Amino acid sequence: MITDDRTISYAETSQWSRRLADGLAALGMRPGDRVGVLMANYLEFIPLKFAIARTGAVAIPFNYLYRRDELGYVLAQSECNVLITMTGFMGLDYLGMLDEIAPGWDKAPADADGRALTAPPQLRHVLLLPVDGRHRDGVAEVTDLAALGDRHAGATDRAAVAPGDVGDILYTSGTTGSPKGVMVTHDAVQRTGYASALTRAYEDGRRVLFSLPCYHMFGYVEGLLSVMFVGGAIIPQTTFSPVGYLRGVQQHRATDILCVPTMAVALIQHPDLGSYDLSPLNAILCGSAPAPVWIWQKFRDDLDISEIVTGYGMTECGGAMTLTLPEDPLELSSTTVGRPKLAGAAGLSDGDLVAYMTVDPLTGDPLPEGAEGELRQLARRHHERDGERRARHLIGEQARRQKLQPAHGIGEGADQPQPEEVRQPQQRANRAAVFLRGIH
């Protein structure tokens, strides 16, 4: 991880996360317990995230822009046992919110049996990350958690964590009501992250800069998890500004950025764009909404960026399931969300991460390609190989009866522009190297 203030290696991150994990275990956290994290993209988020996984507990990265009532709701609804929170951020006062949500939270520790003595009913401990100079007397901080781990070294050595265990509860925006927690397994996000590295043909040591929050799948999977398959690095930023991105690319030699279309426009149209050395940058992943092709043409022509991709995903699916390929025409990144990610050994029997089909929302019967219906996704998950084969057979049989080919990825039909020859042969070599890592 690289920030303006500090750079830490894989070894340092591992050691730090182990100390924090032992500290959580000393607080009583066990497999299946729930640890909420209310934190922007600060350096501490990453070792904390891995520490929670080490204990076998479930991480709940909360949206740090929640107001009081929203925060109170998700704390109770998620049955959060431990909350690790910033003291404040962008004018939001989390200490003040907690004072109203759970009066006395800072003076009423859990009882001898670990049961909470304040509302929300399951909340046992609160730990602080001071980011604005404030502290609260008697309340432990993240540094104290690591010190506690030092005194209980090895407390998580025997923690049992399986690929199919729930690793995260990620809350959706709640556009149709209150926020809803999506339970995601370790296996699901690892497959998705690996598929991103393979589909985008990561080179070894890729450096991805982003301000998209790690409580969201975009920053978490497409940023953090994907680069780990090639020994890469992330350059997380706590907020977005065009100057912050441009300066970050120049200072930290970022080779890839994550953004949404409004951010892309702000970057490519910034008046000081030519004042920065952006020569290391050769890739961009932009998602969440369509973008006109002229944006990508300007990135290609003005910045000499050779890899411009977009995609589609859902929190419920474990992140982005589709991507355009680096070698695709730019029109595909403007008019489609790509095809199912390449996943190699982590995918279905044909090597794709997922397969899509539309079904009748009332009967569940498969529909012909192009027909409107309910979108259904098939993905391989831990210990589901037999189920995958049965579902794959169903899709193939329906296609055969209707004299159709099995569903392709979005943007792959005969009426769509077909992929060009790979513009950079190195992409083939990169993809082959990532593929072999998946096998081994």
Protein backbone atom coordinates (compact mmCIF):
# COMPACT_ATOMS: atom_id res chain seq x y z
CA MET A 1 0.00 0.00 0.00
CA ILE A 2 1.20 3.45 -0.92
CA THR A 3 0.00 6.71 0.57
CA ASP A 4 1.48 10.20 0.66
CA ASP A 5 2.66 9.58 4.22
CA ARG A 6 3.71 5.95 4.25
CA THR A 7 4.34 2.86 2.17
CA ILE A 8 3.98 -0.63 3.64
CA SER A 9 4.97 -3.96 2.13
CA TYR A 10 3.07 -7.23 1.97
CA ALA A 11 5.14 -8.54 4.88
CA GLU A 12 4.44 -5.46 7.00
CA THR A 13 0.73 -5.65 6.20
CA SER A 14 0.65 -9.31 7.18
CA GLN A 15 2.44 -8.70 10.46
CA TRP A 16 0.24 -5.70 11.29
CA SER A 17 -2.95 -7.62 10.51
CA ARG A 18 -1.81 -10.53 12.69
CA ARG A 19 -1.25 -8.22 15.65
CA LEU A 20 -4.69 -6.64 15.16
CA ALA A 21 -6.31 -10.06 14.75
CA ASP A 22 -4.80 -11.31 18.00
CA GLY A 23 -6.11 -8.15 19.64
CA LEU A 24 -9.62 -8.81 18.34
CA ALA A 25 -9.41 -12.38 19.61
CA ALA A 26 -8.36 -11.06 23.01
CA LEU A 27 -11.54 -8.94 22.99
CA GLY A 28 -13.52 -12.15 22.52
CA MET A 29 -14.07 -12.12 18.76
CA ARG A 30 -14.66 -15.61 17.42
CA PRO A 31 -15.60 -17.08 14.02
CA GLY A 32 -18.99 -15.74 12.97
CA ASP A 33 -18.85 -12.65 15.17
CA ARG A 34 -19.33 -9.32 13.40
CA VAL A 35 -16.93 -6.42 13.29
CA GLY A 36 -18.10 -3.12 11.82
CA VAL A 37 -15.59 -0.77 10.21
CA LEU A 38 -16.59 2.87 9.70
CA MET A 39 -13.55 4.15 7.88
CA ALA A 40 -12.52 5.94 4.71
CA ASN A 41 -9.57 4.71 2.64
CA TYR A 42 -7.00 5.26 5.37
CA LEU A 43 -3.98 3.01 5.55
CA GLU A 44 -5.34 1.27 8.65
CA PHE A 45 -8.41 -0.03 6.84
CA ILE A 46 -6.46 -2.70 4.94
CA PRO A 47 -4.69 -4.49 7.83
CA LEU A 48 -7.90 -4.23 9.84
CA LYS A 49 -9.85 -5.88 7.04
CA PHE A 50 -7.39 -8.76 6.86
CA ALA A 51 -7.28 -8.99 10.66
CA ILE A 52 -11.02 -9.56 10.83
CA ALA A 53 -10.69 -12.36 8.29
CA ARG A 54 -7.89 -13.97 10.32
CA THR A 55 -10.19 -14.28 13.34
CA GLY A 56 -12.95 -15.89 11.27
CA ALA A 57 -15.22 -12.98 12.10
CA VAL A 58 -17.35 -11.19 9.50
CA ALA A 59 -16.32 -7.70 8.39
CA ILE A 60 -19.04 -5.09 7.94
CA PRO A 61 -17.53 -2.07 6.18
CA PHE A 62 -20.12 0.67 6.67
CA ASN A 63 -20.76 3.64 4.42
CA TYR A 64 -18.88 6.39 6.27
CA LEU A 65 -21.29 9.06 4.98
CA TYR A 66 -24.16 7.63 7.01
CA ARG A 67 -25.98 10.08 9.24
CA ARG A 68 -27.07 9.22 12.77
CA ASP A 69 -30.30 7.37 12.02
CA GLU A 70 -28.75 5.39 9.18
CA LEU A 71 -25.76 4.42 11.31
CA GLY A 72 -28.00 3.41 14.18
CA TYR A 73 -30.09 1.25 11.87
CA VAL A 74 -27.19 -0.70 10.31
CA LEU A 75 -25.44 -1.18 13.66
CA ALA A 76 -28.56 -2.82 15.06
CA GLN A 77 -29.65 -4.63 11.90
CA SER A 78 -26.19 -6.17 11.34
CA GLU A 79 -25.93 -7.27 14.99
CA CYS A 80 -22.50 -5.66 15.10
CA ASN A 81 -20.36 -6.87 18.03
CA VAL A 82 -17.35 -4.56 17.66
CA LEU A 83 -17.24 -1.19 15.91
CA ILE A 84 -13.98 0.33 14.71
CA THR A 85 -14.65 3.91 13.69
CA MET A 86 -12.99 7.14 12.68
CA THR A 87 -13.63 9.97 15.11
CA GLY A 88 -14.97 12.14 12.29
CA PHE A 89 -14.81 12.73 8.55
CA MET A 90 -15.87 15.50 6.18
CA GLY A 91 -17.83 17.32 8.88
CA LEU A 92 -19.46 14.18 10.26
CA ASP A 93 -19.00 13.61 14.00
CA TYR A 94 -19.14 9.89 14.69
CA LEU A 95 -18.49 10.30 18.40
CA GLY A 96 -21.49 12.60 18.63
CA MET A 97 -23.61 10.14 16.65
CA LEU A 98 -22.67 7.31 19.02
CA ASP A 99 -23.53 9.51 22.00
CA GLU A 100 -27.08 9.74 20.64
CA ILE A 101 -27.38 6.18 19.30
CA ALA A 102 -25.96 4.48 22.41
CA PRO A 103 -25.70 6.91 25.34
CA GLY A 104 -22.89 5.88 27.66
CA TRP A 105 -21.15 3.74 25.02
CA ASP A 106 -17.80 5.15 26.12
CA LYS A 107 -18.36 4.36 29.80
CA ALA A 108 -20.18 1.01 29.74
CA PRO A 109 -17.94 -1.88 28.64
CA ALA A 110 -19.29 -5.36 28.10
CA ASP A 111 -20.06 -7.36 31.21
CA ALA A 112 -18.11 -10.40 32.37
CA ASP A 113 -19.88 -12.61 29.83
CA GLY A 114 -19.12 -10.24 26.96
CA ARG A 115 -22.71 -9.00 26.70
CA ALA A 116 -23.28 -5.39 25.74
CA LEU A 117 -24.65 -3.03 28.36
CA THR A 118 -25.89 -0.37 25.90
CA ALA A 119 -27.90 -0.24 22.71
CA PRO A 120 -27.50 -1.52 20.03
CA PRO A 121 -27.95 -4.76 21.97
CA GLN A 122 -25.08 -6.79 20.48
CA LEU A 123 -22.45 -4.04 20.51
CA ARG A 124 -19.70 -4.97 23.00
CA HIS A 125 -16.74 -2.75 22.13
CA VAL A 126 -15.95 0.44 20.21
CA LEU A 127 -12.43 1.24 19.01
CA LEU A 128 -11.37 4.58 17.58
CA LEU A 129 -9.13 5.75 14.76
CA PRO A 130 -8.43 9.42 15.57
CA VAL A 131 -8.20 11.32 12.29
CA ASP A 132 -9.16 14.82 13.45
CA GLY A 133 -7.13 15.18 16.64
CA ARG A 134 -9.95 14.05 18.92
CA HIS A 135 -9.90 11.20 21.42
CA ARG A 136 -12.35 9.95 24.03
CA ASP A 137 -11.15 9.23 27.55
CA GLY A 138 -11.22 5.54 28.38
CA VAL A 139 -11.94 4.38 24.82
CA ALA A 140 -9.32 2.18 23.17
CA GLU A 141 -7.88 3.04 19.76
CA VAL A 142 -6.52 1.04 16.87
CA THR A 143 -2.98 1.37 18.21
CA ASP A 144 -4.19 -0.07 21.53
CA LEU A 145 -5.72 -3.01 19.67
CA ALA A 146 -2.34 -3.87 18.12
CA ALA A 147 -0.67 -3.58 21.53
CA LEU A 148 -3.32 -5.90 22.99
CA GLY A 149 -2.50 -8.35 20.21
CA ASP A 150 1.17 -8.22 21.17
CA ARG A 151 0.21 -9.31 24.68
CA HIS A 152 -1.85 -12.19 23.28
CA ALA A 153 0.38 -13.22 20.38
CA GLY A 154 -0.84 -16.36 18.62
CA ALA A 155 -4.44 -15.98 19.78
CA THR A 156 -5.72 -16.54 16.22
CA ASP A 157 -3.29 -19.27 15.22
CA ARG A 158 -5.98 -21.92 15.44
CA ALA A 159 -8.86 -19.88 14.03
CA ALA A 160 -10.71 -21.94 11.43
CA VAL A 161 -11.69 -20.04 8.29
CA ALA A 162 -13.10 -21.83 5.21
CA PRO A 163 -13.47 -20.43 1.67
CA GLY A 164 -17.24 -20.78 1.82
CA ASP A 165 -17.53 -18.83 5.09
CA VAL A 166 -19.14 -15.41 4.98
CA GLY A 167 -16.33 -12.85 5.03
CA ASP A 168 -18.26 -9.63 4.54
CA ILE A 169 -21.66 -8.10 5.01
CA LEU A 170 -21.88 -5.23 2.54
CA TYR A 171 -24.81 -2.85 2.69
CA THR A 172 -26.57 -1.76 -0.47
CA SER A 173 -27.76 1.80 -0.89
CA GLY A 174 -31.32 1.01 0.04
CA THR A 175 -32.94 2.82 -2.89
CA THR A 176 -36.11 0.76 -2.39
CA GLY A 177 -36.16 1.05 1.39
CA SER A 178 -33.75 0.66 4.26
CA PRO A 179 -30.15 -0.48 3.53
CA LYS A 180 -29.87 -4.23 3.08
CA GLY A 181 -26.88 -6.31 4.14
CA VAL A 182 -25.49 -8.69 1.52
CA MET A 183 -23.53 -11.67 2.84
CA VAL A 184 -20.49 -12.40 0.65
CA THR A 185 -18.07 -15.31 1.07
CA HIS A 186 -14.28 -15.21 0.97
CA ASP A 187 -14.44 -17.50 -2.05
CA ALA A 188 -16.72 -15.19 -4.05
CA VAL A 189 -14.57 -12.06 -3.81
CA GLN A 190 -11.34 -13.98 -4.41
CA ARG A 191 -12.70 -15.47 -7.64
CA THR A 192 -13.94 -12.08 -8.77
CA GLY A 193 -10.66 -10.35 -7.99
CA TYR A 194 -8.67 -13.04 -9.78
CA ALA A 195 -10.96 -12.79 -12.82
CA SER A 196 -10.30 -9.05 -13.00
CA ALA A 197 -6.54 -9.59 -13.04
CA LEU A 198 -6.90 -12.24 -15.76
CA THR A 199 -9.40 -10.38 -17.94
CA ARG A 200 -7.49 -7.11 -17.79
CA ALA A 201 -4.16 -8.91 -18.37
CA TYR A 202 -2.40 -7.39 -15.36
CA GLU A 203 1.34 -7.05 -15.57
CA ASP A 204 3.39 -7.91 -12.48
CA GLY A 205 3.52 -5.08 -9.97
CA ARG A 206 0.51 -3.13 -11.28
CA ARG A 207 -0.23 -0.02 -9.21
CA VAL A 208 -3.90 0.96 -8.94
CA LEU A 209 -4.91 4.40 -7.68
CA PHE A 210 -8.47 4.97 -6.51
CA SER A 211 -10.61 7.02 -4.14
CA LEU A 212 -13.65 4.78 -4.51
CA PRO A 213 -14.33 3.50 -0.99
CA CYS A 214 -13.30 0.04 0.13
CA TYR A 215 -16.70 -0.44 1.79
CA HIS A 216 -17.89 -0.84 -1.81
CA MET A 217 -17.07 -3.70 -4.17
CA PHE A 218 -15.42 -1.35 -6.68
CA GLY A 219 -12.54 -0.28 -4.46
CA TYR A 220 -12.43 -3.50 -2.44
CA VAL A 221 -12.36 -6.10 -5.24
CA GLU A 222 -11.29 -4.23 -8.39
CA GLY A 223 -8.65 -2.36 -6.41
CA LEU A 224 -7.35 -4.17 -3.34
CA LEU A 225 -7.97 -7.85 -4.06
CA SER A 226 -7.21 -7.93 -7.77
CA VAL A 227 -3.69 -6.48 -7.57
CA MET A 228 -2.61 -9.04 -4.99
CA PHE A 229 -2.57 -11.75 -7.65
CA VAL A 230 0.33 -10.00 -9.41
CA GLY A 231 2.22 -8.63 -6.41
CA GLY A 232 0.86 -5.18 -7.16
CA ALA A 233 0.07 -2.20 -4.96
CA ILE A 234 -2.86 0.05 -4.25
CA ILE A 235 -2.70 3.82 -3.87
CA PRO A 236 -5.89 4.57 -1.91
CA GLN A 237 -7.14 8.13 -1.49
CA THR A 238 -9.75 9.21 1.05
CA THR A 239 -11.54 11.67 -1.26
CA PHE A 240 -11.64 12.41 -4.97
CA SER A 241 -10.27 15.47 -6.65
CA PRO A 242 -8.83 15.70 -10.17
CA VAL A 243 -5.63 17.22 -8.79
CA GLY A 244 -5.39 14.44 -6.20
CA TYR A 245 -5.55 11.79 -8.92
CA LEU A 246 -3.11 13.59 -11.23
CA ARG A 247 -0.65 14.25 -8.45
CA GLY A 248 -1.00 10.67 -7.19
CA VAL A 249 -0.19 9.21 -10.61
CA GLN A 250 2.87 11.42 -10.90
CA GLN A 251 4.16 10.99 -7.35
CA HIS A 252 3.49 7.27 -6.89
CA ARG A 253 3.87 6.10 -10.51
CA ALA A 254 0.37 4.67 -10.74
CA THR A 255 -0.23 2.53 -13.81
CA ASP A 256 -4.01 2.15 -13.44
CA ILE A 257 -6.92 4.21 -12.05
CA LEU A 258 -10.47 3.36 -11.02
CA CYS A 259 -13.22 5.90 -11.56
CA VAL A 260 -16.79 6.62 -12.64
CA PRO A 261 -17.67 8.72 -15.72
CA THR A 262 -18.04 12.03 -13.88
CA MET A 263 -14.57 11.57 -12.43
CA ALA A 264 -13.17 10.65 -15.85
CA VAL A 265 -14.59 13.84 -17.38
CA ALA A 266 -13.16 15.95 -14.55
CA LEU A 267 -9.75 14.40 -15.14
CA ILE A 268 -9.52 14.63 -18.91
CA GLN A 269 -10.88 18.19 -19.00
CA HIS A 270 -8.79 19.56 -16.13
CA PRO A 271 -6.92 22.70 -17.21
CA ASP A 272 -3.67 21.53 -15.58
CA LEU A 273 -3.72 18.05 -17.12
CA GLY A 274 -0.57 18.76 -19.13
CA SER A 275 1.36 19.94 -16.09
CA TYR A 276 1.74 16.44 -14.63
CA ASP A 277 3.93 13.53 -15.65
CA LEU A 278 1.32 10.88 -16.38
CA SER A 279 3.59 8.66 -18.44
CA PRO A 280 3.31 5.65 -16.06
CA LEU A 281 -0.49 5.55 -16.52
CA ASN A 282 -1.63 3.05 -19.13
CA ALA A 283 -4.96 1.70 -17.85
CA ILE A 284 -8.35 2.87 -16.61
CA LEU A 285 -11.40 1.00 -15.34
CA CYS A 286 -14.51 3.18 -15.39
CA GLY A 287 -17.90 1.85 -14.38
CA SER A 288 -21.32 2.54 -12.84
CA ALA A 289 -22.82 4.41 -15.80
CA PRO A 290 -22.49 4.72 -19.60
CA ALA A 291 -19.98 7.22 -20.95
CA PRO A 292 -19.72 8.70 -24.46
CA VAL A 293 -16.94 7.34 -26.64
CA TRP A 294 -15.26 10.75 -27.00
CA ILE A 295 -14.10 10.50 -23.38
CA TRP A 296 -12.20 7.30 -24.08
CA GLN A 297 -10.82 8.66 -27.33
CA LYS A 298 -9.35 11.60 -25.43
CA PHE A 299 -7.79 9.32 -22.83
CA ARG A 300 -6.28 7.25 -25.63
CA ASP A 301 -5.13 10.17 -27.77
CA ASP A 302 -4.12 12.71 -25.11
CA LEU A 303 -2.64 10.38 -22.50
CA ASP A 304 -1.64 7.40 -24.65
CA ILE A 305 -3.65 5.01 -22.46
CA SER A 306 -3.91 1.62 -24.12
CA GLU A 307 -6.27 -0.19 -21.73
CA ILE A 308 -9.71 1.35 -21.31
CA VAL A 309 -12.37 -0.97 -19.90
CA THR A 310 -15.76 -0.88 -18.25
CA GLY A 311 -17.95 -3.48 -16.61
CA TYR A 312 -21.05 -4.41 -14.66
CA GLY A 313 -21.65 -5.97 -11.30
CA MET A 314 -23.75 -6.11 -8.17
CA THR A 315 -22.89 -6.34 -4.51
CA GLU A 316 -25.07 -9.46 -4.35
CA CYS A 317 -22.88 -11.13 -6.99
CA GLY A 318 -19.52 -10.51 -5.36
CA GLY A 319 -18.49 -7.49 -7.43
CA ALA A 320 -18.09 -6.86 -11.16
CA MET A 321 -19.07 -9.91 -13.20
CA THR A 322 -18.46 -8.52 -16.69
CA LEU A 323 -15.70 -6.46 -18.29
CA THR A 324 -14.72 -5.32 -21.73
CA LEU A 325 -11.30 -6.59 -22.81
CA PRO A 326 -8.29 -4.29 -23.10
CA GLU A 327 -8.10 -5.16 -26.81
CA ASP A 328 -11.76 -4.35 -27.51
CA PRO A 329 -12.73 -1.34 -29.68
CA LEU A 330 -13.51 1.75 -27.61
CA GLU A 331 -17.11 1.65 -28.85
CA LEU A 332 -17.69 -1.45 -26.72
CA SER A 333 -16.64 0.41 -23.56
CA SER A 334 -19.12 3.13 -24.44
CA THR A 335 -22.13 1.07 -25.55
CA THR A 336 -21.86 -2.18 -23.55
CA VAL A 337 -20.64 -3.46 -20.20
CA GLY A 338 -18.52 -6.14 -21.81
CA ARG A 339 -18.76 -9.92 -21.49
CA PRO A 340 -18.46 -12.28 -18.54
CA LYS A 341 -14.99 -12.02 -17.06
CA LEU A 342 -12.39 -14.59 -17.98
CA ALA A 343 -11.73 -16.67 -14.89
CA GLY A 344 -9.70 -19.70 -15.92
CA ALA A 345 -9.52 -22.23 -13.11
CA ALA A 346 -11.72 -19.99 -10.94
CA GLY A 347 -14.60 -20.01 -13.41
CA LEU A 348 -17.21 -22.23 -14.95
CA SER A 349 -16.30 -25.15 -17.18
CA ASP A 350 -15.87 -22.84 -20.18
CA GLY A 351 -13.52 -20.57 -18.23
CA ASP A 352 -15.93 -17.65 -17.83
CA LEU A 353 -16.63 -16.29 -14.37
CA VAL A 354 -20.41 -16.35 -14.88
CA ALA A 355 -23.14 -17.13 -17.39
CA TYR A 356 -26.26 -15.02 -17.84
CA MET A 357 -29.72 -15.82 -19.07
CA THR A 358 -33.15 -14.22 -18.88
CA VAL A 359 -36.07 -16.12 -17.40
CA ASP A 360 -39.77 -15.54 -17.08
CA PRO A 361 -40.18 -13.76 -13.71
CA LEU A 362 -43.31 -15.78 -12.91
CA THR A 363 -42.38 -19.27 -14.09
CA GLY A 364 -38.59 -19.17 -14.06
CA ASP A 365 -38.48 -20.65 -17.57
CA PRO A 366 -35.54 -19.55 -19.74
CA LEU A 367 -36.34 -17.00 -22.47
CA PRO A 368 -34.79 -16.52 -25.93
CA GLU A 369 -31.84 -14.17 -26.28
CA GLY A 370 -32.98 -10.57 -26.58
CA ALA A 371 -36.25 -11.17 -24.72
CA GLU A 372 -37.00 -9.05 -21.66
CA GLY A 373 -37.21 -10.92 -18.41
CA GLU A 374 -35.55 -11.48 -15.06
CA LEU A 375 -31.76 -11.67 -15.32
CA ARG A 376 -30.36 -14.86 -13.82
CA GLN A 377 -26.70 -15.43 -13.12
CA LEU A 378 -24.82 -18.70 -12.80
CA ALA A 379 -21.44 -18.61 -11.09
CA ARG A 380 -19.10 -21.21 -9.70
CA ARG A 381 -18.68 -21.09 -5.97
CA HIS A 382 -16.84 -23.28 -3.47
CA HIS A 383 -18.21 -26.86 -3.45
CA GLU A 384 -20.81 -26.11 -6.13
CA ARG A 385 -19.30 -27.88 -9.11
CA ASP A 386 -22.17 -30.39 -9.43
CA GLY A 387 -24.76 -27.63 -9.22
CA GLU A 388 -22.92 -25.71 -11.89
CA ARG A 389 -23.04 -28.70 -14.23
CA ARG A 390 -26.79 -29.14 -13.73
CA ALA A 391 -27.48 -25.44 -14.32
CA ARG A 392 -25.17 -25.37 -17.33
CA HIS A 393 -27.06 -28.37 -18.77
CA LEU A 394 -30.37 -26.53 -18.29
CA ILE A 395 -29.10 -23.48 -20.15
CA GLY A 396 -27.66 -25.58 -22.97
CA GLU A 397 -30.82 -27.68 -23.36
CA GLN A 398 -33.04 -24.60 -23.54
CA ALA A 399 -30.76 -23.05 -26.14
CA ARG A 400 -30.72 -26.26 -28.17
CA ARG A 401 -34.51 -26.54 -28.18
CA GLN A 402 -34.81 -22.96 -29.37
CA LYS A 403 -31.99 -23.44 -31.89
CA LEU A 404 -29.92 -20.78 -30.20
CA GLN A 405 -26.32 -20.75 -29.09
CA PRO A 406 -25.72 -20.60 -25.32
CA ALA A 407 -25.82 -17.03 -24.05
CA HIS A 408 -22.75 -14.94 -24.78
CA GLY A 409 -21.49 -12.00 -22.79
CA ILE A 410 -23.11 -8.63 -23.31
CA GLY A 411 -21.63 -7.02 -26.37
CA GLU A 412 -20.62 -10.27 -28.07
CA GLY A 413 -23.46 -10.68 -30.57
CA ALA A 414 -23.08 -10.63 -34.33
CA ASP A 415 -24.48 -7.09 -34.49
CA GLN A 416 -21.76 -5.76 -32.17
CA PRO A 417 -18.23 -4.66 -33.14
CA GLN A 418 -15.93 -7.64 -32.75
CA PRO A 419 -12.69 -7.47 -30.72
CA GLU A 420 -9.66 -6.23 -32.62
CA GLU A 421 -6.38 -8.11 -32.59
CA VAL A 422 -4.58 -7.49 -29.32
CA ARG A 423 -2.89 -4.14 -29.77
CA GLN A 424 -0.10 -5.00 -27.35
CA PRO A 425 1.24 -8.58 -27.52
CA GLN A 426 2.40 -8.13 -23.94
CA GLN A 427 -1.24 -8.41 -22.85
CA ARG A 428 -1.31 -12.00 -24.06
CA ALA A 429 1.79 -12.83 -22.05
CA ASN A 430 0.37 -11.08 -18.96
CA ARG A 431 -2.90 -12.96 -19.23
CA ALA A 432 -1.08 -16.27 -19.61
CA ALA A 433 0.98 -15.55 -16.48
CA VAL A 434 -2.12 -14.72 -14.41
CA PHE A 435 -3.89 -17.81 -15.78
CA LEU A 436 -1.05 -20.05 -14.62
CA ARG A 437 -1.19 -18.50 -11.14
CA GLY A 438 -4.85 -19.48 -10.96
CA ILE A 439 -4.02 -23.10 -11.78
CA HIS A 440 -1.32 -23.30 -9.13
